[in-house]
């Protein structure tokens, strides 16, 4: 049973596991619709935007040289958040 429906209207995701089975396009739709943007991480080669959803985080990895989103990855907590903390 999936708790998301019709990406043109309303999107509802309950768990990280349900998010992970979505297609790339569906994941991006959820992030743009429901995500809160707390921070990003930029290097010479990539830009990573971090979004908070209800109970987990999503990183959207963008390759500026190729002008494409290369990856959408989710996580709940841990060292993945370290790069967003000001030092």
N, C-alpha and C. Protein backbone atom coordinates (compact mmCIF):
# COMPACT_ATOMS: atom_id res chain seq x y z
N UNK A 1 0.84 -1.19 0.00
CA UNK A 1 0.00 0.00 0.00
C UNK A 1 0.88 1.24 0.00
N UNK A 2 0.63 2.12 -0.91
CA UNK A 2 1.40 3.36 -0.97
C UNK A 2 0.53 4.51 -0.52
N UNK A 3 1.13 5.43 0.22
CA UNK A 3 0.40 6.56 0.76
C UNK A 3 0.61 7.84 -0.03
N UNK A 4 1.05 7.74 -1.25
CA UNK A 4 1.16 8.90 -2.12
C UNK A 4 0.22 8.68 -3.28
N UNK A 5 -0.18 9.77 -3.88
CA UNK A 5 -1.09 9.66 -5.00
C UNK A 5 -1.03 10.91 -5.85
N UNK A 6 -1.46 10.79 -7.09
CA UNK A 6 -1.57 11.87 -8.07
C UNK A 6 -0.63 13.04 -7.81
N UNK A 7 0.54 12.98 -8.41
CA UNK A 7 1.55 14.00 -8.17
C UNK A 7 1.12 15.40 -8.59
N UNK A 8 0.05 15.50 -9.35
CA UNK A 8 -0.43 16.82 -9.75
C UNK A 8 -1.31 17.46 -8.69
N UNK A 9 -1.69 16.73 -7.67
CA UNK A 9 -2.54 17.31 -6.64
C UNK A 9 -1.83 17.32 -5.30
N UNK A 10 -1.92 16.23 -4.56
CA UNK A 10 -1.40 16.21 -3.21
C UNK A 10 -0.47 15.02 -3.04
N UNK A 11 0.58 15.21 -2.27
CA UNK A 11 1.55 14.16 -2.06
C UNK A 11 1.65 13.91 -0.55
N UNK A 12 1.64 12.66 -0.17
CA UNK A 12 1.73 12.31 1.23
C UNK A 12 2.63 11.08 1.37
N UNK A 13 3.72 11.23 2.06
CA UNK A 13 4.64 10.14 2.29
C UNK A 13 4.75 9.92 3.79
N UNK A 14 4.63 8.68 4.21
CA UNK A 14 4.69 8.38 5.63
C UNK A 14 6.10 8.03 6.07
N UNK A 15 6.79 7.18 5.34
CA UNK A 15 8.08 6.69 5.80
C UNK A 15 9.17 6.87 4.76
N UNK A 16 10.39 6.76 5.23
CA UNK A 16 11.55 6.80 4.35
C UNK A 16 11.52 5.62 3.37
N UNK A 17 10.99 4.51 3.82
CA UNK A 17 10.94 3.31 2.98
C UNK A 17 9.99 3.50 1.80
N UNK A 18 8.87 4.14 2.03
CA UNK A 18 7.94 4.44 0.94
C UNK A 18 8.57 5.45 -0.02
N UNK A 19 9.29 6.42 0.51
CA UNK A 19 9.98 7.40 -0.32
C UNK A 19 10.99 6.71 -1.23
N UNK A 20 11.74 5.77 -0.67
CA UNK A 20 12.82 5.12 -1.41
C UNK A 20 12.35 4.28 -2.59
N UNK A 21 11.10 3.85 -2.60
CA UNK A 21 10.63 3.04 -3.73
C UNK A 21 10.07 3.88 -4.87
N UNK A 22 9.97 5.20 -4.68
CA UNK A 22 9.47 6.08 -5.73
C UNK A 22 10.49 6.23 -6.84
N UNK A 23 10.02 6.61 -8.02
CA UNK A 23 10.93 6.93 -9.13
C UNK A 23 11.62 8.25 -8.82
N UNK A 24 12.65 8.56 -9.58
CA UNK A 24 13.37 9.82 -9.40
C UNK A 24 12.43 11.01 -9.52
N UNK A 25 11.57 10.99 -10.53
CA UNK A 25 10.64 12.10 -10.74
C UNK A 25 9.67 12.24 -9.58
N UNK A 26 9.20 11.13 -9.05
CA UNK A 26 8.28 11.16 -7.91
C UNK A 26 8.99 11.65 -6.65
N UNK A 27 10.22 11.21 -6.45
CA UNK A 27 11.00 11.68 -5.30
C UNK A 27 11.17 13.19 -5.36
N UNK A 28 11.53 13.70 -6.54
CA UNK A 28 11.72 15.14 -6.68
C UNK A 28 10.42 15.90 -6.45
N UNK A 29 9.32 15.36 -6.92
CA UNK A 29 8.02 16.00 -6.69
C UNK A 29 7.71 16.09 -5.20
N UNK A 30 8.00 15.01 -4.47
CA UNK A 30 7.77 15.02 -3.02
C UNK A 30 8.66 16.06 -2.35
N UNK A 31 9.93 16.09 -2.73
CA UNK A 31 10.87 17.04 -2.13
C UNK A 31 10.43 18.47 -2.40
N UNK A 32 10.07 18.80 -3.64
CA UNK A 32 9.69 20.16 -3.98
C UNK A 32 8.38 20.56 -3.28
N UNK A 33 7.47 19.59 -3.12
CA UNK A 33 6.16 19.88 -2.52
C UNK A 33 6.21 19.93 -0.99
N UNK A 34 6.91 18.99 -0.37
CA UNK A 34 6.84 18.83 1.08
C UNK A 34 8.13 19.14 1.82
N UNK A 35 9.25 19.21 1.12
CA UNK A 35 10.53 19.39 1.79
C UNK A 35 10.76 20.80 2.30
N UNK A 36 11.46 20.89 3.42
CA UNK A 36 11.91 22.16 4.00
C UNK A 36 13.41 22.23 3.78
N UNK A 37 13.87 23.32 3.21
CA UNK A 37 15.28 23.46 2.82
C UNK A 37 16.08 24.12 3.94
N UNK A 38 16.81 23.31 4.74
CA UNK A 38 17.60 23.92 5.81
C UNK A 38 19.00 24.37 5.38
N UNK A 39 19.61 23.69 4.38
CA UNK A 39 20.98 24.04 4.06
C UNK A 39 21.44 23.34 2.78
N UNK A 40 22.63 23.76 2.30
CA UNK A 40 23.24 23.07 1.17
C UNK A 40 24.73 22.93 1.39
N UNK A 41 25.36 22.15 0.56
CA UNK A 41 26.79 21.87 0.61
C UNK A 41 27.31 22.00 -0.82
N UNK A 42 28.31 22.86 -1.02
CA UNK A 42 28.79 23.13 -2.38
C UNK A 42 30.29 22.88 -2.45
N UNK A 43 30.69 22.13 -3.47
CA UNK A 43 32.11 21.96 -3.78
C UNK A 43 32.32 22.44 -5.22
N UNK A 44 33.53 22.28 -5.69
CA UNK A 44 33.83 22.67 -7.06
C UNK A 44 33.01 21.88 -8.07
N UNK A 45 32.76 20.63 -7.75
CA UNK A 45 32.12 19.73 -8.71
C UNK A 45 30.62 19.53 -8.52
N UNK A 46 30.14 19.62 -7.29
CA UNK A 46 28.73 19.31 -7.04
C UNK A 46 28.09 20.30 -6.08
N UNK A 47 26.79 20.33 -6.13
CA UNK A 47 26.00 21.08 -5.16
C UNK A 47 24.99 20.09 -4.59
N UNK A 48 24.90 20.03 -3.26
CA UNK A 48 23.96 19.14 -2.61
C UNK A 48 23.00 19.99 -1.78
N UNK A 49 21.74 19.92 -2.11
CA UNK A 49 20.72 20.58 -1.31
C UNK A 49 20.13 19.55 -0.36
N UNK A 50 20.01 19.92 0.90
CA UNK A 50 19.44 19.03 1.90
C UNK A 50 18.04 19.53 2.24
N UNK A 51 17.10 18.62 2.25
CA UNK A 51 15.71 18.94 2.58
C UNK A 51 15.26 18.06 3.74
N UNK A 52 14.48 18.64 4.63
CA UNK A 52 13.89 17.87 5.73
C UNK A 52 12.45 17.54 5.37
N UNK A 53 12.12 16.27 5.49
CA UNK A 53 10.74 15.82 5.38
C UNK A 53 10.30 15.44 6.79
N UNK A 54 9.13 14.88 6.94
CA UNK A 54 8.60 14.61 8.27
C UNK A 54 9.59 13.96 9.23
N UNK A 55 10.10 12.81 8.89
CA UNK A 55 10.95 12.07 9.82
C UNK A 55 12.29 11.66 9.21
N UNK A 56 12.67 12.30 8.11
CA UNK A 56 13.95 11.98 7.49
C UNK A 56 14.41 13.14 6.63
N UNK A 57 15.63 13.02 6.12
CA UNK A 57 16.24 14.04 5.27
C UNK A 57 16.45 13.48 3.87
N UNK A 58 16.50 14.40 2.91
CA UNK A 58 16.76 14.02 1.52
C UNK A 58 17.83 14.95 0.97
N UNK A 59 18.83 14.37 0.32
CA UNK A 59 19.84 15.14 -0.38
C UNK A 59 19.56 15.06 -1.88
N UNK A 60 19.55 16.21 -2.52
CA UNK A 60 19.43 16.27 -3.98
C UNK A 60 20.78 16.72 -4.50
N UNK A 61 21.44 15.84 -5.23
CA UNK A 61 22.80 16.08 -5.72
C UNK A 61 22.71 16.60 -7.15
N UNK A 62 23.34 17.76 -7.37
CA UNK A 62 23.28 18.44 -8.67
C UNK A 62 24.68 18.58 -9.23
N UNK A 63 24.87 18.18 -10.47
CA UNK A 63 26.14 18.33 -11.18
C UNK A 63 26.02 19.57 -12.06
N UNK A 64 26.67 20.65 -11.64
CA UNK A 64 26.59 21.91 -12.37
C UNK A 64 27.24 21.87 -13.73
N UNK A 65 28.27 21.07 -13.87
CA UNK A 65 28.96 20.96 -15.15
C UNK A 65 28.07 20.30 -16.21
N UNK A 66 27.36 19.26 -15.81
CA UNK A 66 26.45 18.56 -16.72
C UNK A 66 25.03 19.15 -16.69
N UNK A 67 24.77 20.02 -15.70
CA UNK A 67 23.46 20.64 -15.53
C UNK A 67 22.34 19.61 -15.35
N UNK A 68 22.60 18.64 -14.44
CA UNK A 68 21.62 17.59 -14.16
C UNK A 68 21.61 17.24 -12.68
N UNK A 69 20.48 16.75 -12.22
CA UNK A 69 20.40 16.15 -10.90
C UNK A 69 20.87 14.72 -11.06
N UNK A 70 21.90 14.35 -10.33
CA UNK A 70 22.51 13.04 -10.50
C UNK A 70 22.01 12.01 -9.50
N UNK A 71 21.50 12.48 -8.36
CA UNK A 71 21.11 11.54 -7.32
C UNK A 71 20.16 12.18 -6.34
N UNK A 72 19.26 11.38 -5.82
CA UNK A 72 18.39 11.77 -4.71
C UNK A 72 18.53 10.68 -3.68
N UNK A 73 19.06 11.03 -2.50
CA UNK A 73 19.28 10.01 -1.47
C UNK A 73 18.67 10.45 -0.15
N UNK A 74 18.19 9.48 0.59
CA UNK A 74 17.52 9.77 1.85
C UNK A 74 18.27 9.14 3.02
N UNK A 75 18.10 9.74 4.19
CA UNK A 75 18.70 9.21 5.40
C UNK A 75 17.94 9.78 6.60
N UNK A 76 18.07 9.11 7.74
CA UNK A 76 17.35 9.54 8.93
C UNK A 76 18.21 10.43 9.83
N UNK A 77 19.47 10.10 10.01
CA UNK A 77 20.35 10.84 10.92
C UNK A 77 21.77 10.34 10.69
N UNK A 78 22.70 10.90 11.42
CA UNK A 78 24.06 10.38 11.36
C UNK A 78 25.05 11.33 10.72
N UNK A 79 26.16 10.75 10.31
CA UNK A 79 27.27 11.54 9.79
C UNK A 79 26.92 12.26 8.48
N UNK A 80 25.86 11.85 7.80
CA UNK A 80 25.46 12.54 6.58
C UNK A 80 25.12 14.01 6.84
N UNK A 81 24.72 14.32 8.07
CA UNK A 81 24.37 15.70 8.41
C UNK A 81 25.59 16.56 8.73
N UNK A 82 26.74 15.95 8.99
CA UNK A 82 27.93 16.68 9.42
C UNK A 82 28.35 17.78 8.46
N UNK A 83 28.23 17.56 7.17
CA UNK A 83 28.68 18.54 6.18
C UNK A 83 27.85 19.82 6.18
N UNK A 84 26.68 19.78 6.81
CA UNK A 84 25.80 20.95 6.85
C UNK A 84 25.98 21.80 8.12
N UNK A 85 26.82 21.34 9.03
CA UNK A 85 27.07 22.07 10.27
C UNK A 85 28.20 23.05 10.04
N UNK A 86 27.96 24.31 10.40
CA UNK A 86 29.01 25.33 10.25
C UNK A 86 30.17 25.02 11.17
N UNK A 87 31.35 25.18 10.61
CA UNK A 87 32.56 24.91 11.43
C UNK A 87 33.30 26.18 11.73
